[in-house]
């Protein structure tokens, strides 16, 4: 019951009188909020992306759990069939709800990103996600586009922000850094030219002018500084490994399965 109620909001506005109510009832397998002012019931999914949900709450709960556990479409369908053959959902139905959960998650993180400010010790890095491939179609020279991901992770709590970018120049990455990293934070990175001026001797940080403490490691020579073991981007590298492993597991190889929306990426 506690797991089930975790999906239900703590309060809900009555759809009839707009009064806020916290009294929840389970009626015919569905959760409602009861308004003592007008004695009416409001379904918990009203005015949400789940308002047209036709499946039972029990199945919806299992779908959410498997989605949070990052299971594939096939794995979710197989799990549901194994648990209860009568509750088996068609593959297209599972895909529909996974896309719906993706949309809900995206909206949540888009709102959170407006107030999310990483601080303390943070790491920066970029990774190449998709390789541009030639297409046989004359009107479309390339089958899929090249995508770079720019990532920032806070060391102490592992909060991170990932931004898909088409370019890694200063005009693209510096505004993202200023928007998402608190001034005064300590930044660890590699020697990429956006962060470090490699044409001077000794090398000079391009981020200290903005009020950051910046330390870097030359990935052409080492991944962890031999002199100072705390200077590295290993947390960000591990995150890239997790993301790419998940892509391989789900056999995601092409751009159409990768949607860019407002500084976030979402797998459809």
C-alpha atoms as a PDB file:
ATOM      1  CA  UNK A   1       0.000   0.000   0.000  1.00  0.00           C
ATOM      2  CA  UNK A   2       2.823   2.423   0.815  1.00  0.00           C
ATOM      3  CA  UNK A   3       4.374   1.838  -2.607  1.00  0.00           C
ATOM      4  CA  UNK A   4       1.020   2.411  -4.288  1.00  0.00           C
ATOM      5  CA  UNK A   5       0.278   5.610  -2.378  1.00  0.00           C
ATOM      6  CA  UNK A   6       3.697   6.955  -3.360  1.00  0.00           C
ATOM      7  CA  UNK A   7       2.245   7.490  -6.844  1.00  0.00           C
ATOM      8  CA  UNK A   8      -0.756   9.417  -5.507  1.00  0.00           C
ATOM      9  CA  UNK A   9      -0.396  13.152  -4.809  1.00  0.00           C
ATOM     10  CA  UNK A  10      -0.772  14.242  -1.193  1.00  0.00           C
ATOM     11  CA  UNK A  11      -3.546  16.670  -2.107  1.00  0.00           C
ATOM     12  CA  UNK A  12      -5.785  17.495  -5.049  1.00  0.00           C
ATOM     13  CA  UNK A  13      -8.052  20.345  -6.086  1.00  0.00           C
ATOM     14  CA  UNK A  14     -11.704  19.396  -6.356  1.00  0.00           C
ATOM     15  CA  UNK A  15     -12.697  19.589 -10.020  1.00  0.00           C
ATOM     16  CA  UNK A  16     -16.092  21.005  -9.020  1.00  0.00           C
ATOM     17  CA  UNK A  17     -15.346  23.710  -6.423  1.00  0.00           C
ATOM     18  CA  UNK A  18     -11.519  23.960  -6.743  1.00  0.00           C
ATOM     19  CA  UNK A  19     -11.114  23.443  -2.999  1.00  0.00           C
ATOM     20  CA  UNK A  20      -7.939  21.676  -1.905  1.00  0.00           C
ATOM     21  CA  UNK A  21      -8.625  18.273  -0.360  1.00  0.00           C
ATOM     22  CA  UNK A  22      -6.407  15.591   1.187  1.00  0.00           C
ATOM     23  CA  UNK A  23      -8.932  12.815   1.832  1.00  0.00           C
ATOM     24  CA  UNK A  24      -8.182   9.805  -0.395  1.00  0.00           C
ATOM     25  CA  UNK A  25     -10.487   6.898  -1.154  1.00  0.00           C
ATOM     26  CA  UNK A  26     -10.013   3.651  -3.040  1.00  0.00           C
ATOM     27  CA  UNK A  27     -13.162   2.904  -5.019  1.00  0.00           C
ATOM     28  CA  UNK A  28     -13.484   0.033  -7.537  1.00  0.00           C
ATOM     29  CA  UNK A  29      -9.715  -0.218  -7.834  1.00  0.00           C
ATOM     30  CA  UNK A  30      -9.255   3.508  -8.484  1.00  0.00           C
ATOM     31  CA  UNK A  31      -8.110   6.306  -6.193  1.00  0.00           C
ATOM     32  CA  UNK A  32     -10.226   9.411  -5.686  1.00  0.00           C
ATOM     33  CA  UNK A  33     -10.083  12.535  -3.543  1.00  0.00           C
ATOM     34  CA  UNK A  34     -13.240  13.315  -1.598  1.00  0.00           C
ATOM     35  CA  UNK A  35     -14.305  16.940  -1.199  1.00  0.00           C
ATOM     36  CA  UNK A  36     -16.264  17.532   2.021  1.00  0.00           C
ATOM     37  CA  UNK A  37     -17.383  20.915   0.702  1.00  0.00           C
ATOM     38  CA  UNK A  38     -19.404  19.639  -2.252  1.00  0.00           C
ATOM     39  CA  UNK A  39     -19.422  15.884  -1.459  1.00  0.00           C
ATOM     40  CA  UNK A  40     -17.887  15.019  -4.831  1.00  0.00           C
ATOM     41  CA  UNK A  41     -15.075  12.712  -5.878  1.00  0.00           C
ATOM     42  CA  UNK A  42     -12.134  13.796  -8.058  1.00  0.00           C
ATOM     43  CA  UNK A  43     -10.033  11.159  -9.761  1.00  0.00           C
ATOM     44  CA  UNK A  44      -6.351  11.407  -8.822  1.00  0.00           C
ATOM     45  CA  UNK A  45      -5.293  11.511 -12.489  1.00  0.00           C
ATOM     46  CA  UNK A  46      -7.583  14.420 -13.434  1.00  0.00           C
ATOM     47  CA  UNK A  47      -5.693  17.315 -15.072  1.00  0.00           C
ATOM     48  CA  UNK A  48      -2.575  15.160 -15.470  1.00  0.00           C
ATOM     49  CA  UNK A  49      -0.969  13.365 -18.411  1.00  0.00           C
ATOM     50  CA  UNK A  50      -2.482  10.153 -17.024  1.00  0.00           C
ATOM     51  CA  UNK A  51      -6.087  11.341 -17.203  1.00  0.00           C
ATOM     52  CA  UNK A  52      -6.846   8.976 -20.104  1.00  0.00           C
ATOM     53  CA  UNK A  53      -5.222   5.981 -18.398  1.00  0.00           C
ATOM     54  CA  UNK A  54      -7.354   2.866 -19.006  1.00  0.00           C
ATOM     55  CA  UNK A  55      -5.272   0.237 -17.213  1.00  0.00           C
ATOM     56  CA  UNK A  56      -5.740  -0.667 -13.549  1.00  0.00           C
ATOM     57  CA  UNK A  57      -3.812   1.109 -10.838  1.00  0.00           C
ATOM     58  CA  UNK A  58      -1.991  -2.136  -9.968  1.00  0.00           C
ATOM     59  CA  UNK A  59      -0.657  -2.530 -13.519  1.00  0.00           C
ATOM     60  CA  UNK A  60       0.191   1.165 -13.715  1.00  0.00           C
ATOM     61  CA  UNK A  61       2.169   0.834 -10.495  1.00  0.00           C
ATOM     62  CA  UNK A  62       4.134  -2.129 -11.892  1.00  0.00           C
ATOM     63  CA  UNK A  63       4.837  -0.216 -15.110  1.00  0.00           C
ATOM     64  CA  UNK A  64       6.226   2.706 -13.102  1.00  0.00           C
ATOM     65  CA  UNK A  65       8.411   0.406 -10.975  1.00  0.00           C
ATOM     66  CA  UNK A  66       9.878  -1.339 -14.026  1.00  0.00           C
ATOM     67  CA  UNK A  67      10.379   2.017 -15.742  1.00  0.00           C
ATOM     68  CA  UNK A  68      12.285   3.384 -12.731  1.00  0.00           C
ATOM     69  CA  UNK A  69      14.418   0.219 -12.760  1.00  0.00           C
ATOM     70  CA  UNK A  70      15.313   1.099 -16.366  1.00  0.00           C
ATOM     71  CA  UNK A  71      13.892  -2.064 -17.900  1.00  0.00           C
ATOM     72  CA  UNK A  72      13.469  -2.385 -21.656  1.00  0.00           C
ATOM     73  CA  UNK A  73      10.092  -2.590 -23.387  1.00  0.00           C
ATOM     74  CA  UNK A  74      10.475  -6.348 -23.868  1.00  0.00           C
ATOM     75  CA  UNK A  75      11.555  -6.861 -20.252  1.00  0.00           C
ATOM     76  CA  UNK A  76       8.535  -4.938 -18.948  1.00  0.00           C
ATOM     77  CA  UNK A  77       6.123  -6.940 -21.113  1.00  0.00           C
ATOM     78  CA  UNK A  78       7.753 -10.225 -20.053  1.00  0.00           C
ATOM     79  CA  UNK A  79       7.643  -9.288 -16.356  1.00  0.00           C
ATOM     80  CA  UNK A  80       3.943  -8.442 -16.543  1.00  0.00           C
ATOM     81  CA  UNK A  81       3.165 -11.720 -18.296  1.00  0.00           C
ATOM     82  CA  UNK A  82       5.181 -13.673 -15.745  1.00  0.00           C
ATOM     83  CA  UNK A  83       3.485 -12.032 -12.767  1.00  0.00           C
ATOM     84  CA  UNK A  84      -0.036 -12.231 -14.137  1.00  0.00           C
ATOM     85  CA  UNK A  85      -0.810 -13.621 -17.608  1.00  0.00           C
ATOM     86  CA  UNK A  86      -4.218 -11.956 -17.489  1.00  0.00           C
ATOM     87  CA  UNK A  87      -2.585  -8.526 -17.110  1.00  0.00           C
ATOM     88  CA  UNK A  88      -0.323  -8.848 -20.156  1.00  0.00           C
ATOM     89  CA  UNK A  89      -0.173  -5.623 -22.173  1.00  0.00           C
ATOM     90  CA  UNK A  90       0.444  -5.313 -25.883  1.00  0.00           C
ATOM     91  CA  UNK A  91       3.914  -4.081 -26.813  1.00  0.00           C
ATOM     92  CA  UNK A  92       2.492  -0.865 -28.287  1.00  0.00           C
ATOM     93  CA  UNK A  93       0.664  -0.184 -25.012  1.00  0.00           C
ATOM     94  CA  UNK A  94       3.867  -0.597 -23.032  1.00  0.00           C
ATOM     95  CA  UNK A  95       5.658   1.716 -25.483  1.00  0.00           C
ATOM     96  CA  UNK A  96       2.877   4.277 -25.063  1.00  0.00           C
ATOM     97  CA  UNK A  97       3.237   4.373 -21.288  1.00  0.00           C
ATOM     98  CA  UNK A  98       7.043   4.419 -21.395  1.00  0.00           C
ATOM     99  CA  UNK A  99       6.857   7.467 -23.683  1.00  0.00           C
ATOM    100  CA  UNK A 100       4.319   9.005 -21.320  1.00  0.00           C
ATOM    101  CA  UNK A 101       6.608   8.434 -18.310  1.00  0.00           C
ATOM    102  CA  UNK A 102       9.480   9.942 -20.309  1.00  0.00           C
ATOM    103  CA  UNK A 103       7.394  13.052 -20.935  1.00  0.00           C
ATOM    104  CA  UNK A 104       6.499  13.347 -17.244  1.00  0.00           C
ATOM    105  CA  UNK A 105      10.145  12.896 -16.215  1.00  0.00           C
ATOM    106  CA  UNK A 106      11.291  15.436 -18.799  1.00  0.00           C
ATOM    107  CA  UNK A 107       8.803  18.052 -17.591  1.00  0.00           C
ATOM    108  CA  UNK A 108       9.925  17.467 -13.997  1.00  0.00           C
ATOM    109  CA  UNK A 109      13.615  17.896 -14.774  1.00  0.00           C
ATOM    110  CA  UNK A 110      12.981  20.896 -17.011  1.00  0.00           C
ATOM    111  CA  UNK A 111      11.322  22.632 -14.060  1.00  0.00           C
ATOM    112  CA  UNK A 112      13.992  21.444 -11.648  1.00  0.00           C
ATOM    113  CA  UNK A 113      16.783  22.670 -13.910  1.00  0.00           C
ATOM    114  CA  UNK A 114      15.559  26.258 -13.569  1.00  0.00           C
ATOM    115  CA  UNK A 115      16.511  26.230  -9.885  1.00  0.00           C
ATOM    116  CA  UNK A 116      19.210  23.531  -9.919  1.00  0.00           C
ATOM    117  CA  UNK A 117      22.619  24.969  -9.136  1.00  0.00           C
ATOM    118  CA  UNK A 118      25.551  22.630  -8.616  1.00  0.00           C
ATOM    119  CA  UNK A 119      28.148  23.715  -6.082  1.00  0.00           C
ATOM    120  CA  UNK A 120      31.157  22.525  -4.101  1.00  0.00           C
ATOM    121  CA  UNK A 121      33.322  20.207  -6.195  1.00  0.00           C
ATOM    122  CA  UNK A 122      32.014  19.508  -9.686  1.00  0.00           C
ATOM    123  CA  UNK A 123      33.393  17.759 -12.764  1.00  0.00           C
ATOM    124  CA  UNK A 124      32.957  18.658 -16.432  1.00  0.00           C
ATOM    125  CA  UNK A 125      33.328  16.462 -19.473  1.00  0.00           C
ATOM    126  CA  UNK A 126      31.947  15.852 -22.947  1.00  0.00           C
ATOM    127  CA  UNK A 127      31.397  12.643 -24.862  1.00  0.00           C
ATOM    128  CA  UNK A 128      30.624  11.723 -28.442  1.00  0.00           C
ATOM    129  CA  UNK A 129      27.359   9.831 -28.580  1.00  0.00           C
ATOM    130  CA  UNK A 130      26.421   9.089 -32.175  1.00  0.00           C
ATOM    131  CA  UNK A 131      28.708   8.832 -35.153  1.00  0.00           C
ATOM    132  CA  UNK A 132      27.560  10.501 -38.349  1.00  0.00           C
ATOM    133  CA  UNK A 133      26.872   7.822 -40.961  1.00  0.00           C
ATOM    134  CA  UNK A 134      26.426   8.090 -44.704  1.00  0.00           C
ATOM    135  CA  UNK A 135      23.007   7.413 -46.168  1.00  0.00           C
ATOM    136  CA  UNK A 136      22.203   5.825 -49.513  1.00  0.00           C
ATOM    137  CA  UNK A 137      19.427   8.382 -50.083  1.00  0.00           C
ATOM    138  CA  UNK A 138      20.641  11.202 -52.364  1.00  0.00           C
ATOM    139  CA  UNK A 139      18.356  13.795 -50.751  1.00  0.00           C
ATOM    140  CA  UNK A 140      19.674  12.883 -47.286  1.00  0.00           C
ATOM    141  CA  UNK A 141      23.487  12.726 -47.245  1.00  0.00           C
ATOM    142  CA  UNK A 142      23.651  11.407 -43.689  1.00  0.00           C
ATOM    143  CA  UNK A 143      21.567   8.706 -42.021  1.00  0.00           C
ATOM    144  CA  UNK A 144      22.053  10.057 -38.504  1.00  0.00           C
ATOM    145  CA  UNK A 145      23.520  13.193 -36.995  1.00  0.00           C
ATOM    146  CA  UNK A 146      26.505  13.467 -34.714  1.00  0.00           C
ATOM    147  CA  UNK A 147      25.570  14.245 -31.131  1.00  0.00           C
ATOM    148  CA  UNK A 148      27.800  15.492 -28.348  1.00  0.00           C
ATOM    149  CA  UNK A 149      26.789  15.386 -24.698  1.00  0.00           C
ATOM    150  CA  UNK A 150      28.120  17.901 -22.202  1.00  0.00           C
ATOM    151  CA  UNK A 151      27.912  16.770 -18.591  1.00  0.00           C
ATOM    152  CA  UNK A 152      28.339  18.295 -15.146  1.00  0.00           C
ATOM    153  CA  UNK A 153      28.296  16.223 -11.946  1.00  0.00           C
ATOM    154  CA  UNK A 154      28.552  17.293  -8.303  1.00  0.00           C
ATOM    155  CA  UNK A 155      30.886  15.011  -6.387  1.00  0.00           C
ATOM    156  CA  UNK A 156      29.261  14.883  -2.948  1.00  0.00           C
ATOM    157  CA  UNK A 157      25.670  14.051  -3.921  1.00  0.00           C
ATOM    158  CA  UNK A 158      26.168  12.836  -7.533  1.00  0.00           C
ATOM    159  CA  UNK A 159      23.561  15.261  -8.903  1.00  0.00           C
ATOM    160  CA  UNK A 160      24.221  15.792 -12.582  1.00  0.00           C
ATOM    161  CA  UNK A 161      23.089  17.743 -15.607  1.00  0.00           C
ATOM    162  CA  UNK A 162      23.518  16.462 -19.157  1.00  0.00           C
ATOM    163  CA  UNK A 163      23.068  18.744 -22.139  1.00  0.00           C
ATOM    164  CA  UNK A 164      23.058  17.614 -25.795  1.00  0.00           C
ATOM    165  CA  UNK A 165      25.035  20.070 -27.917  1.00  0.00           C
ATOM    166  CA  UNK A 166      25.952  20.394 -31.569  1.00  0.00           C
ATOM    167  CA  UNK A 167      29.104  22.370 -30.811  1.00  0.00           C
ATOM    168  CA  UNK A 168      31.649  22.397 -27.970  1.00  0.00           C
ATOM    169  CA  UNK A 169      32.932  25.929 -28.420  1.00  0.00           C
ATOM    170  CA  UNK A 170      32.999  28.568 -25.679  1.00  0.00           C
ATOM    171  CA  UNK A 171      29.846  30.306 -26.884  1.00  0.00           C
ATOM    172  CA  UNK A 172      27.960  27.040 -26.317  1.00  0.00           C
ATOM    173  CA  UNK A 173      29.499  25.565 -23.150  1.00  0.00           C
ATOM    174  CA  UNK A 174      30.345  28.650 -21.048  1.00  0.00           C
ATOM    175  CA  UNK A 175      26.695  29.820 -20.755  1.00  0.00           C
ATOM    176  CA  UNK A 176      25.716  26.290 -19.615  1.00  0.00           C
ATOM    177  CA  UNK A 177      28.475  26.367 -16.981  1.00  0.00           C
ATOM    178  CA  UNK A 178      27.449  29.810 -15.726  1.00  0.00           C
ATOM    179  CA  UNK A 179      23.786  28.807 -15.596  1.00  0.00           C
ATOM    180  CA  UNK A 180      24.271  25.540 -13.705  1.00  0.00           C
ATOM    181  CA  UNK A 181      27.388  25.921 -11.526  1.00  0.00           C
ATOM    182  CA  UNK A 182      27.485  28.288  -8.567  1.00  0.00           C
ATOM    183  CA  UNK A 183      30.203  30.930  -8.648  1.00  0.00           C
ATOM    184  CA  UNK A 184      32.993  29.945  -6.264  1.00  0.00           C
ATOM    185  CA  UNK A 185      32.666  26.219  -6.953  1.00  0.00           C
ATOM    186  CA  UNK A 186      35.731  24.094  -7.656  1.00  0.00           C
ATOM    187  CA  UNK A 187      35.663  22.689 -11.186  1.00  0.00           C
ATOM    188  CA  UNK A 188      37.681  19.682 -12.362  1.00  0.00           C
ATOM    189  CA  UNK A 189      38.062  19.081 -16.085  1.00  0.00           C
ATOM    190  CA  UNK A 190      40.436  17.933 -18.789  1.00  0.00           C
ATOM    191  CA  UNK A 191      42.543  20.315 -20.881  1.00  0.00           C
ATOM    192  CA  UNK A 192      39.947  20.939 -23.558  1.00  0.00           C
ATOM    193  CA  UNK A 193      40.481  24.359 -25.132  1.00  0.00           C
ATOM    194  CA  UNK A 194      37.102  25.666 -23.965  1.00  0.00           C
ATOM    195  CA  UNK A 195      38.229  25.314 -20.344  1.00  0.00           C
ATOM    196  CA  UNK A 196      42.005  25.801 -20.647  1.00  0.00           C
ATOM    197  CA  UNK A 197      44.171  28.074 -22.791  1.00  0.00           C
ATOM    198  CA  UNK A 198      46.741  25.606 -24.119  1.00  0.00           C
ATOM    199  CA  UNK A 199      48.659  28.253 -26.068  1.00  0.00           C
ATOM    200  CA  UNK A 200      50.286  29.747 -22.988  1.00  0.00           C
ATOM    201  CA  UNK A 201      53.023  28.377 -20.759  1.00  0.00           C
ATOM    202  CA  UNK A 202      52.075  27.439 -18.211  1.00  0.00           C
ATOM    203  CA  UNK A 203      48.546  26.633 -19.335  1.00  0.00           C
ATOM    204  CA  UNK A 204      45.931  29.082 -18.083  1.00  0.00           C
ATOM    205  CA  UNK A 205      42.359  28.415 -17.020  1.00  0.00           C
ATOM    206  CA  UNK A 206      39.569  30.076 -18.987  1.00  0.00           C
ATOM    207  CA  UNK A 207      37.096  29.548 -16.105  1.00  0.00           C
ATOM    208  CA  UNK A 208      38.811  31.389 -13.257  1.00  0.00           C
ATOM    209  CA  UNK A 209      37.844  34.726 -14.834  1.00  0.00           C
ATOM    210  CA  UNK A 210      34.226  33.852 -14.058  1.00  0.00           C
ATOM    211  CA  UNK A 211      34.907  33.297 -10.343  1.00  0.00           C
ATOM    212  CA  UNK A 212      35.489  29.535 -10.309  1.00  0.00           C
ATOM    213  CA  UNK A 213      38.364  27.550  -8.800  1.00  0.00           C
ATOM    214  CA  UNK A 214      39.551  25.415 -11.676  1.00  0.00           C
ATOM    215  CA  UNK A 215      41.927  22.449 -11.731  1.00  0.00           C
ATOM    216  CA  UNK A 216      42.510  20.174 -14.682  1.00  0.00           C
ATOM    217  CA  UNK A 217      44.266  17.024 -15.838  1.00  0.00           C
ATOM    218  CA  UNK A 218      45.794  16.342 -19.250  1.00  0.00           C
ATOM    219  CA  UNK A 219      43.999  13.239 -20.551  1.00  0.00           C
ATOM    220  CA  UNK A 220      46.674  12.743 -23.191  1.00  0.00           C
ATOM    221  CA  UNK A 221      49.089  11.931 -20.394  1.00  0.00           C
ATOM    222  CA  UNK A 222      46.982  10.723 -17.455  1.00  0.00           C
ATOM    223  CA  UNK A 223      43.407  10.455 -16.201  1.00  0.00           C
ATOM    224  CA  UNK A 224      44.236  11.114 -12.551  1.00  0.00           C
ATOM    225  CA  UNK A 225      46.894  13.630 -11.595  1.00  0.00           C
ATOM    226  CA  UNK A 226      49.997  11.863 -10.294  1.00  0.00           C
ATOM    227  CA  UNK A 227      50.747  14.780  -7.980  1.00  0.00           C
ATOM    228  CA  UNK A 228      47.203  15.460  -6.744  1.00  0.00           C
ATOM    229  CA  UNK A 229      44.918  12.414  -6.782  1.00  0.00           C
ATOM    230  CA  UNK A 230      41.762  14.498  -6.293  1.00  0.00           C
ATOM    231  CA  UNK A 231      42.171  16.073  -9.736  1.00  0.00           C
ATOM    232  CA  UNK A 232      40.225  13.854 -12.135  1.00  0.00           C
ATOM    233  CA  UNK A 233      36.883  13.514 -13.942  1.00  0.00           C
ATOM    234  CA  UNK A 234      36.279   9.858 -13.073  1.00  0.00           C
ATOM    235  CA  UNK A 235      32.740  10.424 -11.763  1.00  0.00           C
ATOM    236  CA  UNK A 236      31.713  11.931 -15.085  1.00  0.00           C
ATOM    237  CA  UNK A 237      33.487   9.158 -16.997  1.00  0.00           C
ATOM    238  CA  UNK A 238      31.577   6.522 -15.009  1.00  0.00           C
ATOM    239  CA  UNK A 239      28.321   8.279 -15.835  1.00  0.00           C
ATOM    240  CA  UNK A 240      29.161   8.229 -19.562  1.00  0.00           C
ATOM    241  CA  UNK A 241      29.907   4.500 -19.283  1.00  0.00           C
ATOM    242  CA  UNK A 242      26.521   3.885 -17.647  1.00  0.00           C
ATOM    243  CA  UNK A 243      24.657   5.846 -20.321  1.00  0.00           C
ATOM    244  CA  UNK A 244      26.428   4.172 -23.242  1.00  0.00           C
ATOM    245  CA  UNK A 245      25.993   0.713 -21.703  1.00  0.00           C
ATOM    246  CA  UNK A 246      22.271   1.399 -21.443  1.00  0.00           C
ATOM    247  CA  UNK A 247      22.194   2.469 -25.079  1.00  0.00           C
ATOM    248  CA  UNK A 248      23.887  -0.768 -26.130  1.00  0.00           C
ATOM    249  CA  UNK A 249      21.485  -2.789 -23.976  1.00  0.00           C
ATOM    250  CA  UNK A 250      18.484  -1.157 -25.646  1.00  0.00           C
ATOM    251  CA  UNK A 251      20.154  -1.279 -29.076  1.00  0.00           C
ATOM    252  CA  UNK A 252      19.806   2.464 -29.578  1.00  0.00           C
ATOM    253  CA  UNK A 253      22.030   3.384 -32.497  1.00  0.00           C
ATOM    254  CA  UNK A 254      20.215   6.044 -34.449  1.00  0.00           C
ATOM    255  CA  UNK A 255      19.270   9.676 -33.942  1.00  0.00           C
ATOM    256  CA  UNK A 256      15.469   9.216 -34.329  1.00  0.00           C
ATOM    257  CA  UNK A 257      15.406   7.466 -30.944  1.00  0.00           C
ATOM    258  CA  UNK A 258      17.169  10.401 -29.348  1.00  0.00           C
ATOM    259  CA  UNK A 259      15.129  13.573 -28.868  1.00  0.00           C
ATOM    260  CA  UNK A 260      16.659  16.929 -27.911  1.00  0.00           C
ATOM    261  CA  UNK A 261      14.448  19.168 -25.808  1.00  0.00           C
ATOM    262  CA  UNK A 262      15.519  22.272 -23.893  1.00  0.00           C
ATOM    263  CA  UNK A 263      18.932  21.173 -22.694  1.00  0.00           C
ATOM    264  CA  UNK A 264      17.882  17.640 -21.833  1.00  0.00           C
ATOM    265  CA  UNK A 265      17.855  14.353 -23.641  1.00  0.00           C
ATOM    266  CA  UNK A 266      15.253  11.675 -23.444  1.00  0.00           C
ATOM    267  CA  UNK A 267      15.156   8.150 -24.840  1.00  0.00           C
ATOM    268  CA  UNK A 268      11.918   7.281 -26.617  1.00  0.00           C
END
